Amino acid sequence: MAAGVRLLVAPASHSDRDAAQREGTMKVLEDAGAQLLPSACGVCAGYGDSFAAGETVISSTARNFRGRMGPPTTKVYLASAYTVAASAVAGRIIDPREVLDGR
């Protein structure tokens, strides 16, 4: 992961989390510095912690509206899981083909 980037992972269900652990995906994410969150609507729905004013977030959640994940000045972009992962590696929002193609 790029310096200054936080990667938060909240599996959609306990079943998904368990499958990711069995397949080794969760270990890869944790080794990369990902923070595992509970399988629940947490930050994505504005519950509990939220992102800071002016912070830029890229998320693979299904919905977005101003103030959902933090103050109205938090910039939240929705993207595919591939785009989110590639962006975490690059430290900026990118097309995942830049990482997959080795550009």
PDB file of N, CA and C in Angstrom:
ATOM      1  N   MET A   1       0.837  -1.184   0.000  1.00  0.00           N
ATOM      2  CA  MET A   1       0.000   0.000   0.000  1.00  0.00           C
ATOM      3  C   MET A   1       0.877   1.240   0.000  1.00  0.00           C
ATOM      4  N   ALA A   2       0.382   2.256  -0.614  1.00  0.00           N
ATOM      5  CA  ALA A   2       1.119   3.518  -0.660  1.00  0.00           C
ATOM      6  C   ALA A   2       1.150   4.168   0.717  1.00  0.00           C
ATOM      7  N   ALA A   3       2.188   4.935   0.969  1.00  0.00           N
ATOM      8  CA  ALA A   3       2.300   5.663   2.234  1.00  0.00           C
ATOM      9  C   ALA A   3       1.118   6.611   2.389  1.00  0.00           C
ATOM     10  N   GLY A   4       0.589   6.696   3.604  1.00  0.00           N
ATOM     11  CA  GLY A   4      -0.502   7.609   3.888  1.00  0.00           C
ATOM     12  C   GLY A   4      -1.876   7.085   3.507  1.00  0.00           C
ATOM     13  N   VAL A   5      -1.938   5.848   3.024  1.00  0.00           N
ATOM     14  CA  VAL A   5      -3.214   5.251   2.623  1.00  0.00           C
ATOM     15  C   VAL A   5      -3.676   4.282   3.702  1.00  0.00           C
ATOM     16  N   ARG A   6      -4.963   4.325   4.004  1.00  0.00           N
ATOM     17  CA  ARG A   6      -5.567   3.331   4.896  1.00  0.00           C
ATOM     18  C   ARG A   6      -6.468   2.445   4.054  1.00  0.00           C
ATOM     19  N   LEU A   7      -6.349   1.144   4.227  1.00  0.00           N
ATOM     20  CA  LEU A   7      -7.209   0.191   3.536  1.00  0.00           C
ATOM     21  C   LEU A   7      -8.071  -0.485   4.587  1.00  0.00           C
ATOM     22  N   LEU A   8      -9.355  -0.186   4.564  1.00  0.00           N
ATOM     23  CA  LEU A   8     -10.307  -0.760   5.506  1.00  0.00           C
ATOM     24  C   LEU A   8     -11.098  -1.836   4.785  1.00  0.00           C
ATOM     25  N   VAL A   9     -11.157  -3.015   5.362  1.00  0.00           N
ATOM     26  CA  VAL A   9     -11.849  -4.144   4.739  1.00  0.00           C
ATOM     27  C   VAL A   9     -12.966  -4.603   5.666  1.00  0.00           C
ATOM     28  N   ALA A  10     -14.204  -4.532   5.171  1.00  0.00           N
ATOM     29  CA  ALA A  10     -15.376  -4.995   5.913  1.00  0.00           C
ATOM     30  C   ALA A  10     -16.079  -6.030   5.036  1.00  0.00           C
ATOM     31  N   PRO A  11     -15.790  -7.313   5.251  1.00  0.00           N
ATOM     32  CA  PRO A  11     -16.434  -8.340   4.433  1.00  0.00           C
ATOM     33  C   PRO A  11     -17.956  -8.223   4.522  1.00  0.00           C
ATOM     34  N   ALA A  12     -18.623  -8.549   3.418  1.00  0.00           N
ATOM     35  CA  ALA A  12     -20.076  -8.403   3.344  1.00  0.00           C
ATOM     36  C   ALA A  12     -20.796  -9.314   4.332  1.00  0.00           C
ATOM     37  N   SER A  13     -20.183 -10.433   4.685  1.00  0.00           N
ATOM     38  CA  SER A  13     -20.816 -11.371   5.614  1.00  0.00           C
ATOM     39  C   SER A  13     -19.730 -12.183   6.312  1.00  0.00           C
ATOM     40  N   HIS A  14     -20.118 -12.894   7.356  1.00  0.00           N
ATOM     41  CA  HIS A  14     -19.168 -13.782   8.032  1.00  0.00           C
ATOM     42  C   HIS A  14     -18.748 -14.906   7.085  1.00  0.00           C
ATOM     43  N   SER A  15     -19.663 -15.346   6.247  1.00  0.00           N
ATOM     44  CA  SER A  15     -19.356 -16.390   5.268  1.00  0.00           C
ATOM     45  C   SER A  15     -18.286 -15.909   4.290  1.00  0.00           C
ATOM     46  N   ASP A  16     -18.418 -14.671   3.807  1.00  0.00           N
ATOM     47  CA  ASP A  16     -17.414 -14.100   2.900  1.00  0.00           C
ATOM     48  C   ASP A  16     -16.073 -13.962   3.601  1.00  0.00           C
ATOM     49  N   ARG A  17     -16.097 -13.493   4.837  1.00  0.00           N
ATOM     50  CA  ARG A  17     -14.851 -13.347   5.607  1.00  0.00           C
ATOM     51  C   ARG A  17     -14.178 -14.701   5.776  1.00  0.00           C
ATOM     52  N   ASP A  18     -14.960 -15.726   6.153  1.00  0.00           N
ATOM     53  CA  ASP A  18     -14.394 -17.061   6.359  1.00  0.00           C
ATOM     54  C   ASP A  18     -13.824 -17.629   5.064  1.00  0.00           C
ATOM     55  N   ALA A  19     -14.518 -17.425   3.952  1.00  0.00           N
ATOM     56  CA  ALA A  19     -14.017 -17.896   2.655  1.00  0.00           C
ATOM     57  C   ALA A  19     -12.715 -17.187   2.302  1.00  0.00           C
ATOM     58  N   ALA A  20     -12.649 -15.885   2.526  1.00  0.00           N
ATOM     59  CA  ALA A  20     -11.426 -15.118   2.239  1.00  0.00           C
ATOM     60  C   ALA A  20     -10.274 -15.596   3.112  1.00  0.00           C
ATOM     61  N   GLN A  21     -10.569 -15.988   4.343  1.00  0.00           N
ATOM     62  CA  GLN A  21      -9.518 -16.525   5.217  1.00  0.00           C
ATOM     63  C   GLN A  21      -9.038 -17.884   4.710  1.00  0.00           C
ATOM     64  N   ARG A  22      -9.978 -18.753   4.340  1.00  0.00           N
ATOM     65  CA  ARG A  22      -9.613 -20.080   3.821  1.00  0.00           C
ATOM     66  C   ARG A  22      -8.785 -19.972   2.541  1.00  0.00           C
ATOM     67  N   GLU A  23      -9.142 -19.042   1.673  1.00  0.00           N
ATOM     68  CA  GLU A  23      -8.464 -18.886   0.384  1.00  0.00           C
ATOM     69  C   GLU A  23      -7.129 -18.150   0.489  1.00  0.00           C
ATOM     70  N   GLY A  24      -6.869 -17.551   1.648  1.00  0.00           N
ATOM     71  CA  GLY A  24      -5.629 -16.808   1.837  1.00  0.00           C
ATOM     72  C   GLY A  24      -5.719 -15.338   1.467  1.00  0.00           C
ATOM     73  N   THR A  25      -6.862 -14.921   0.961  1.00  0.00           N
ATOM     74  CA  THR A  25      -7.044 -13.520   0.558  1.00  0.00           C
ATOM     75  C   THR A  25      -6.925 -12.582   1.752  1.00  0.00           C
ATOM     76  N   MET A  26      -7.517 -12.958   2.872  1.00  0.00           N
ATOM     77  CA  MET A  26      -7.488 -12.100   4.054  1.00  0.00           C
ATOM     78  C   MET A  26      -6.054 -11.902   4.551  1.00  0.00           C
ATOM     79  N   LYS A  27      -5.246 -12.963   4.506  1.00  0.00           N
ATOM     80  CA  LYS A  27      -3.846 -12.838   4.939  1.00  0.00           C
ATOM     81  C   LYS A  27      -3.091 -11.872   4.038  1.00  0.00           C
ATOM     82  N   VAL A  28      -3.314 -11.949   2.738  1.00  0.00           N
ATOM     83  CA  VAL A  28      -2.656 -11.034   1.798  1.00  0.00           C
ATOM     84  C   VAL A  28      -3.041  -9.590   2.139  1.00  0.00           C
ATOM     85  N   LEU A  29      -4.321  -9.359   2.376  1.00  0.00           N
ATOM     86  CA  LEU A  29      -4.780  -8.003   2.717  1.00  0.00           C
ATOM     87  C   LEU A  29      -4.184  -7.525   4.033  1.00  0.00           C
ATOM     88  N   GLU A  30      -4.197  -8.401   5.052  1.00  0.00           N
ATOM     89  CA  GLU A  30      -3.638  -8.023   6.349  1.00  0.00           C
ATOM     90  C   GLU A  30      -2.131  -7.779   6.254  1.00  0.00           C
ATOM     91  N   ASP A  31      -1.426  -8.628   5.490  1.00  0.00           N
ATOM     92  CA  ASP A  31       0.025  -8.438   5.301  1.00  0.00           C
ATOM     93  C   ASP A  31       0.317  -7.107   4.600  1.00  0.00           C
ATOM     94  N   ALA A  32      -0.623  -6.659   3.777  1.00  0.00           N
ATOM     95  CA  ALA A  32      -0.456  -5.378   3.076  1.00  0.00           C
ATOM     96  C   ALA A  32      -0.802  -4.195   3.971  1.00  0.00           C
ATOM     97  N   GLY A  33      -1.297  -4.492   5.185  1.00  0.00           N
ATOM     98  CA  GLY A  33      -1.608  -3.417   6.122  1.00  0.00           C
ATOM     99  C   GLY A  33      -3.080  -3.093   6.242  1.00  0.00           C
ATOM    100  N   ALA A  34      -3.948  -3.904   5.637  1.00  0.00           N
ATOM    101  CA  ALA A  34      -5.385  -3.649   5.720  1.00  0.00           C
ATOM    102  C   ALA A  34      -5.879  -3.796   7.162  1.00  0.00           C
ATOM    103  N   GLN A  35      -6.840  -2.974   7.490  1.00  0.00           N
ATOM    104  CA  GLN A  35      -7.497  -3.051   8.793  1.00  0.00           C
ATOM    105  C   GLN A  35      -8.819  -3.773   8.594  1.00  0.00           C
ATOM    106  N   LEU A  36      -8.992  -4.899   9.294  1.00  0.00           N
ATOM    107  CA  LEU A  36     -10.214  -5.680   9.171  1.00  0.00           C
ATOM    108  C   LEU A  36     -11.293  -5.084  10.067  1.00  0.00           C
ATOM    109  N   LEU A  37     -12.439  -4.801   9.466  1.00  0.00           N
ATOM    110  CA  LEU A  37     -13.591  -4.275  10.195  1.00  0.00           C
ATOM    111  C   LEU A  37     -14.639  -5.375  10.312  1.00  0.00           C
ATOM    112  N   PRO A  38     -15.566  -5.233  11.261  1.00  0.00           N
ATOM    113  CA  PRO A  38     -16.629  -6.227  11.369  1.00  0.00           C
ATOM    114  C   PRO A  38     -17.493  -6.260  10.100  1.00  0.00           C
ATOM    115  N   SER A  39     -18.126  -7.390   9.889  1.00  0.00           N
ATOM    116  CA  SER A  39     -19.067  -7.534   8.773  1.00  0.00           C
ATOM    117  C   SER A  39     -20.361  -6.836   9.172  1.00  0.00           C
ATOM    118  N   ALA A  40     -20.411  -5.569   8.923  1.00  0.00           N
ATOM    119  CA  ALA A  40     -21.577  -4.767   9.297  1.00  0.00           C
ATOM    120  C   ALA A  40     -21.530  -3.450   8.553  1.00  0.00           C
ATOM    121  N   CYS A  41     -22.633  -2.736   8.584  1.00  0.00           N
ATOM    122  CA  CYS A  41     -22.665  -1.393   7.999  1.00  0.00           C
ATOM    123  C   CYS A  41     -22.056  -0.429   9.008  1.00  0.00           C
ATOM    124  N   GLY A  42     -20.782  -0.219   8.913  1.00  0.00           N
ATOM    125  CA  GLY A  42     -20.081   0.678   9.815  1.00  0.00           C
ATOM    126  C   GLY A  42     -19.870   2.023   9.163  1.00  0.00           C
ATOM    127  N   VAL A  43     -18.649   2.298   8.791  1.00  0.00           N
ATOM    128  CA  VAL A  43     -18.294   3.571   8.162  1.00  0.00           C
ATOM    129  C   VAL A  43     -19.131   3.807   6.911  1.00  0.00           C
ATOM    130  N   CYS A  44     -19.428   2.725   6.178  1.00  0.00           N
ATOM    131  CA  CYS A  44     -20.151   2.885   4.909  1.00  0.00           C
ATOM    132  C   CYS A  44     -21.527   3.497   5.101  1.00  0.00           C
ATOM    133  N   ALA A  45     -22.105   3.332   6.271  1.00  0.00           N
ATOM    134  CA  ALA A  45     -23.441   3.887   6.516  1.00  0.00           C
ATOM    135  C   ALA A  45     -23.394   5.035   7.515  1.00  0.00           C
ATOM    136  N   GLY A  46     -22.201   5.473   7.864  1.00  0.00           N
ATOM    137  CA  GLY A  46     -22.069   6.590   8.784  1.00  0.00           C
ATOM    138  C   GLY A  46     -22.175   6.208  10.242  1.00  0.00           C
ATOM    139  N   TYR A  47     -22.102   4.914  10.549  1.00  0.00           N
ATOM    140  CA  TYR A  47     -22.167   4.471  11.942  1.00  0.00           C
ATOM    141  C   TYR A  47     -20.755   4.431  12.520  1.00  0.00           C
ATOM    142  N   GLY A  48     -20.633   4.731  13.800  1.00  0.00           N
ATOM    143  CA  GLY A  48     -19.328   4.653  14.449  1.00  0.00           C
ATOM    144  C   GLY A  48     -18.384   5.700  13.895  1.00  0.00           C
ATOM    145  N   ASP A  49     -17.135   5.296  13.668  1.00  0.00           N
ATOM    146  CA  ASP A  49     -16.135   6.212  13.129  1.00  0.00           C
ATOM    147  C   ASP A  49     -16.526   6.663  11.732  1.00  0.00           C
ATOM    148  N   SER A  50     -16.090   7.843  11.384  1.00  0.00           N
ATOM    149  CA  SER A  50     -16.292   8.317  10.014  1.00  0.00           C
ATOM    150  C   SER A  50     -14.990   8.955   9.543  1.00  0.00           C
ATOM    151  N   PHE A  51     -14.978   9.349   8.299  1.00  0.00           N
ATOM    152  CA  PHE A  51     -13.778   9.954   7.745  1.00  0.00           C
ATOM    153  C   PHE A  51     -13.757  11.444   8.041  1.00  0.00           C
ATOM    154  N   ALA A  52     -12.586  12.044   7.995  1.00  0.00           N
ATOM    155  CA  ALA A  52     -12.397  13.448   8.364  1.00  0.00           C
ATOM    156  C   ALA A  52     -12.867  14.395   7.267  1.00  0.00           C
ATOM    157  N   ALA A  53     -13.137  15.608   7.672  1.00  0.00           N
ATOM    158  CA  ALA A  53     -13.502  16.667   6.731  1.00  0.00           C
ATOM    159  C   ALA A  53     -12.393  16.814   5.691  1.00  0.00           C
ATOM    160  N   GLY A  54     -12.767  16.855   4.421  1.00  0.00           N
ATOM    161  CA  GLY A  54     -11.800  17.037   3.351  1.00  0.00           C
ATOM    162  C   GLY A  54     -11.044  15.791   2.952  1.00  0.00           C
ATOM    163  N   GLU A  55     -11.194  14.696   3.698  1.00  0.00           N
ATOM    164  CA  GLU A  55     -10.491  13.458   3.372  1.00  0.00           C
ATOM    165  C   GLU A  55     -11.070  12.882   2.072  1.00  0.00           C
ATOM    166  N   THR A  56     -10.217  12.225   1.276  1.00  0.00           N
ATOM    167  CA  THR A  56     -10.670  11.577   0.049  1.00  0.00           C
ATOM    168  C   THR A  56     -10.754  10.082   0.299  1.00  0.00           C
ATOM    169  N   VAL A  57     -11.892   9.502  -0.085  1.00  0.00           N
ATOM    170  CA  VAL A  57     -12.171   8.090   0.154  1.00  0.00           C
ATOM    171  C   VAL A  57     -12.603   7.456  -1.164  1.00  0.00           C
ATOM    172  N   ILE A  58     -12.118   6.254  -1.430  1.00  0.00           N
ATOM    173  CA  ILE A  58     -12.636   5.469  -2.546  1.00  0.00           C
ATOM    174  C   ILE A  58     -13.159   4.177  -1.935  1.00  0.00           C
ATOM    175  N   SER A  59     -14.380   3.829  -2.277  1.00  0.00           N
ATOM    176  CA  SER A  59     -15.071   2.731  -1.620  1.00  0.00           C
ATOM    177  C   SER A  59     -15.793   1.853  -2.632  1.00  0.00           C
ATOM    178  N   SER A  60     -15.922   0.574  -2.296  1.00  0.00           N
ATOM    179  CA  SER A  60     -16.672  -0.340  -3.163  1.00  0.00           C
ATOM    180  C   SER A  60     -18.082  -0.585  -2.624  1.00  0.00           C
ATOM    181  N   THR A  61     -18.562   0.301  -1.764  1.00  0.00           N
ATOM    182  CA  THR A  61     -19.928   0.173  -1.265  1.00  0.00           C
ATOM    183  C   THR A  61     -20.927   0.480  -2.376  1.00  0.00           C
ATOM    184  N   ALA A  62     -22.184   0.220  -2.101  1.00  0.00           N
ATOM    185  CA  ALA A  62     -23.206   0.345  -3.133  1.00  0.00           C
ATOM    186  C   ALA A  62     -23.841   1.731  -3.230  1.00  0.00           C
ATOM    187  N   ARG A  63     -23.713   2.553  -2.209  1.00  0.00           N
ATOM    188  CA  ARG A  63     -24.381   3.856  -2.225  1.00  0.00           C
ATOM    189  C   ARG A  63     -23.458   4.949  -1.728  1.00  0.00           C
ATOM    190  N   ASN A  64     -23.797   6.171  -2.150  1.00  0.00           N
ATOM    191  CA  ASN A  64     -23.036   7.326  -1.696  1.00  0.00           C
ATOM    192  C   ASN A  64     -23.938   8.553  -1.736  1.00  0.00           C
ATOM    193  N   PHE A  65     -23.836   9.370  -0.747  1.00  0.00           N
ATOM    194  CA  PHE A  65     -24.460  10.683  -0.758  1.00  0.00           C
ATOM    195  C   PHE A  65     -23.687  11.551   0.221  1.00  0.00           C
ATOM    196  N   ARG A  66     -23.757  12.855   0.025  1.00  0.00           N
ATOM    197  CA  ARG A  66     -23.000  13.808   0.848  1.00  0.00           C
ATOM    198  C   ARG A  66     -23.302  13.580   2.326  1.00  0.00           C
ATOM    199  N   GLY A  67     -22.257  13.422   3.120  1.00  0.00           N
ATOM    200  CA  GLY A  67     -22.393  13.242   4.563  1.00  0.00           C
ATOM    201  C   GLY A  67     -22.565  11.793   5.000  1.00  0.00           C
ATOM    202  N   ARG A  68     -22.592  10.864   4.086  1.00  0.00           N
ATOM    203  CA  ARG A  68     -22.800   9.455   4.464  1.00  0.00           C
ATOM    204  C   ARG A  68     -21.621   8.891   5.249  1.00  0.00           C
ATOM    205  N   MET A  69     -20.390   9.223   4.863  1.00  0.00           N
ATOM    206  CA  MET A  69     -19.217   8.646   5.513  1.00  0.00           C
ATOM    207  C   MET A  69     -18.394   9.669   6.282  1.00  0.00           C
ATOM    208  N   GLY A  70     -18.945  10.822   6.504  1.00  0.00           N
ATOM    209  CA  GLY A  70     -18.229  11.864   7.225  1.00  0.00           C
ATOM    210  C   GLY A  70     -18.893  13.195   6.965  1.00  0.00           C
ATOM    211  N   PRO A  71     -18.231  14.272   7.332  1.00  0.00           N
ATOM    212  CA  PRO A  71     -18.789  15.602   7.097  1.00  0.00           C
ATOM    213  C   PRO A  71     -19.044  15.844   5.607  1.00  0.00           C
ATOM    214  N   PRO A  72     -19.862  16.812   5.276  1.00  0.00           N
ATOM    215  CA  PRO A  72     -20.171  17.085   3.864  1.00  0.00           C
ATOM    216  C   PRO A  72     -18.955  17.354   2.988  1.00  0.00           C
ATOM    217  N   THR A  73     -17.832  17.757   3.575  1.00  0.00           N
ATOM    218  CA  THR A  73     -16.644  18.031   2.762  1.00  0.00           C
ATOM    219  C   THR A  73     -15.787  16.788   2.521  1.00  0.00           C
ATOM    220  N   THR A  74     -16.159  15.640   3.093  1.00  0.00           N
ATOM    221  CA  THR A  74     -15.442  14.396   2.810  1.00  0.00           C
ATOM    222  C   THR A  74     -15.757  14.001   1.375  1.00  0.00           C
ATOM    223  N   LYS A  75     -14.702  13.741   0.588  1.00  0.00           N
ATOM    224  CA  LYS A  75     -14.885  13.390  -0.821  1.00  0.00           C
ATOM    225  C   LYS A  75     -14.895  11.867  -0.948  1.00  0.00           C
ATOM    226  N   VAL A  76     -16.057  11.307  -1.301  1.00  0.00           N
ATOM    227  CA  VAL A  76     -16.216   9.860  -1.395  1.00  0.00           C
ATOM    228  C   VAL A  76     -16.525   9.476  -2.838  1.00  0.00           C
ATOM    229  N   TYR A  77     -15.736   8.558  -3.366  1.00  0.00           N
ATOM    230  CA  TYR A  77     -15.919   8.061  -4.723  1.00  0.00           C
ATOM    231  C   TYR A  77     -16.228   6.569  -4.643  1.00  0.00           C
ATOM    232  N   LEU A  78     -17.176   6.099  -5.444  1.00  0.00           N
ATOM    233  CA  LEU A  78     -17.503   4.680  -5.507  1.00  0.00           C
ATOM    234  C   LEU A  78     -16.828   4.064  -6.722  1.00  0.00           C
ATOM    235  N   ALA A  79     -16.320   2.845  -6.537  1.00  0.00           N
ATOM    236  CA  ALA A  79     -15.600   2.181  -7.621  1.00  0.00           C
ATOM    237  C   ALA A  79     -15.656   0.668  -7.412  1.00  0.00           C
ATOM    238  N   SER A  80     -15.162  -0.047  -8.382  1.00  0.00           N
ATOM    239  CA  SER A  80     -15.076  -1.506  -8.273  1.00  0.00           C
ATOM    240  C   SER A  80     -14.000  -1.881  -7.250  1.00  0.00           C
ATOM    241  N   ALA A  81     -14.062  -3.113  -6.792  1.00  0.00           N
ATOM    242  CA  ALA A  81     -13.037  -3.599  -5.867  1.00  0.00           C
ATOM    243  C   ALA A  81     -11.648  -3.544  -6.507  1.00  0.00           C
ATOM    244  N   TYR A  82     -11.565  -3.814  -7.814  1.00  0.00           N
ATOM    245  CA  TYR A  82     -10.277  -3.723  -8.513  1.00  0.00           C
ATOM    246  C   TYR A  82      -9.725  -2.296  -8.458  1.00  0.00           C
ATOM    247  N   THR A  83     -10.586  -1.321  -8.705  1.00  0.00           N
ATOM    248  CA  THR A  83     -10.146   0.075  -8.695  1.00  0.00           C
ATOM    249  C   THR A  83      -9.737   0.506  -7.298  1.00  0.00           C
ATOM    250  N   VAL A  84     -10.480   0.075  -6.291  1.00  0.00           N
ATOM    251  CA  VAL A  84     -10.141   0.414  -4.904  1.00  0.00           C
ATOM    252  C   VAL A  84      -8.779  -0.169  -4.538  1.00  0.00           C
ATOM    253  N   ALA A  85      -8.555  -1.441  -4.862  1.00  0.00           N
ATOM    254  CA  ALA A  85      -7.281  -2.088  -4.533  1.00  0.00           C
ATOM    255  C   ALA A  85      -6.116  -1.431  -5.271  1.00  0.00           C
ATOM    256  N   ALA A  86      -6.286  -1.179  -6.559  1.00  0.00           N
ATOM    257  CA  ALA A  86      -5.216  -0.542  -7.343  1.00  0.00           C
ATOM    258  C   ALA A  86      -4.922   0.851  -6.814  1.00  0.00           C
ATOM    259  N   SER A  87      -5.946   1.565  -6.418  1.00  0.00           N
ATOM    260  CA  SER A  87      -5.773   2.914  -5.884  1.00  0.00           C
ATOM    261  C   SER A  87      -5.036   2.895  -4.556  1.00  0.00           C
ATOM    262  N   ALA A  88      -5.285   1.863  -3.730  1.00  0.00           N
ATOM    263  CA  ALA A  88      -4.563   1.731  -2.458  1.00  0.00           C
ATOM    264  C   ALA A  88      -3.078   1.514  -2.714  1.00  0.00           C
ATOM    265  N   VAL A  89      -2.763   0.730  -3.736  1.00  0.00           N
ATOM    266  CA  VAL A  89      -1.358   0.480  -4.094  1.00  0.00           C
ATOM    267  C   VAL A  89      -0.707   1.760  -4.609  1.00  0.00           C
ATOM    268  N   ALA A  90      -1.424   2.502  -5.438  1.00  0.00           N
ATOM    269  CA  ALA A  90      -0.863   3.693  -6.082  1.00  0.00           C
ATOM    270  C   ALA A  90      -0.876   4.935  -5.187  1.00  0.00           C
ATOM    271  N   GLY A  91      -1.801   4.965  -4.225  1.00  0.00           N
ATOM    272  CA  GLY A  91      -1.902   6.152  -3.375  1.00  0.00           C
ATOM    273  C   GLY A  91      -2.715   7.272  -4.005  1.00  0.00           C
ATOM    274  N   ARG A  92      -3.404   6.951  -5.090  1.00  0.00           N
ATOM    275  CA  ARG A  92      -4.281   7.903  -5.769  1.00  0.00           C
ATOM    276  C   ARG A  92      -5.293   7.089  -6.560  1.00  0.00           C
ATOM    277  N   ILE A  93      -6.390   7.700  -6.931  1.00  0.00           N
ATOM    278  CA  ILE A  93      -7.403   6.973  -7.685  1.00  0.00           C
ATOM    279  C   ILE A  93      -6.890   6.739  -9.104  1.00  0.00           C
ATOM    280  N   ILE A  94      -6.823   5.453  -9.486  1.00  0.00           N
ATOM    281  CA  ILE A  94      -6.303   5.088 -10.804  1.00  0.00           C
ATOM    282  C   ILE A  94      -7.193   4.029 -11.457  1.00  0.00           C
ATOM    283  N   ASP A  95      -6.982   3.838 -12.726  1.00  0.00           N
ATOM    284  CA  ASP A  95      -7.586   2.753 -13.476  1.00  0.00           C
ATOM    285  C   ASP A  95      -6.816   1.481 -13.091  1.00  0.00           C
ATOM    286  N   PRO A  96      -7.496   0.414 -12.673  1.00  0.00           N
ATOM    287  CA  PRO A  96      -6.762  -0.789 -12.226  1.00  0.00           C
ATOM    288  C   PRO A  96      -5.902  -1.416 -13.319  1.00  0.00           C
ATOM    289  N   ARG A  97      -6.190  -1.132 -14.570  1.00  0.00           N
ATOM    290  CA  ARG A  97      -5.360  -1.684 -15.648  1.00  0.00           C
ATOM    291  C   ARG A  97      -3.934  -1.163 -15.566  1.00  0.00           C
ATOM    292  N   GLU A  98      -3.732  -0.002 -14.917  1.00  0.00           N
ATOM    293  CA  GLU A  98      -2.359   0.515 -14.747  1.00  0.00           C
ATOM    294  C   GLU A  98      -1.535  -0.421 -13.877  1.00  0.00           C
ATOM    295  N   VAL A  99      -2.176  -1.090 -12.926  1.00  0.00           N
ATOM    296  CA  VAL A  99      -1.484  -2.030 -12.044  1.00  0.00           C
ATOM    297  C   VAL A  99      -1.444  -3.418 -12.689  1.00  0.00           C
ATOM    298  N   LEU A 100      -2.574  -3.848 -13.246  1.00  0.00           N
ATOM    299  CA  LEU A 100      -2.661  -5.175 -13.840  1.00  0.00           C
ATOM    300  C   LEU A 100      -1.776  -5.324 -15.062  1.00  0.00           C
ATOM    301  N   ASP A 101      -1.674  -4.267 -15.863  1.00  0.00           N
ATOM    302  CA  ASP A 101      -0.859  -4.289 -17.075  1.00  0.00           C
ATOM    303  C   ASP A 101       0.603  -3.940 -16.816  1.00  0.00           C
ATOM    304  N   GLY A 102       0.915  -3.506 -15.604  1.00  0.00           N
ATOM    305  CA  GLY A 102       2.286  -3.151 -15.270  1.00  0.00           C
ATOM    306  C   GLY A 102       2.740  -1.836 -15.876  1.00  0.00           C
ATOM    307  N   ARG A 103       1.785  -0.972 -16.175  1.00  0.00           N
ATOM    308  CA  ARG A 103       2.138   0.331 -16.793  1.00  0.00           C
ATOM    309  C   ARG A 103       2.883   1.224 -15.860  1.00  0.00           C
TER     310      ARG A 103
END
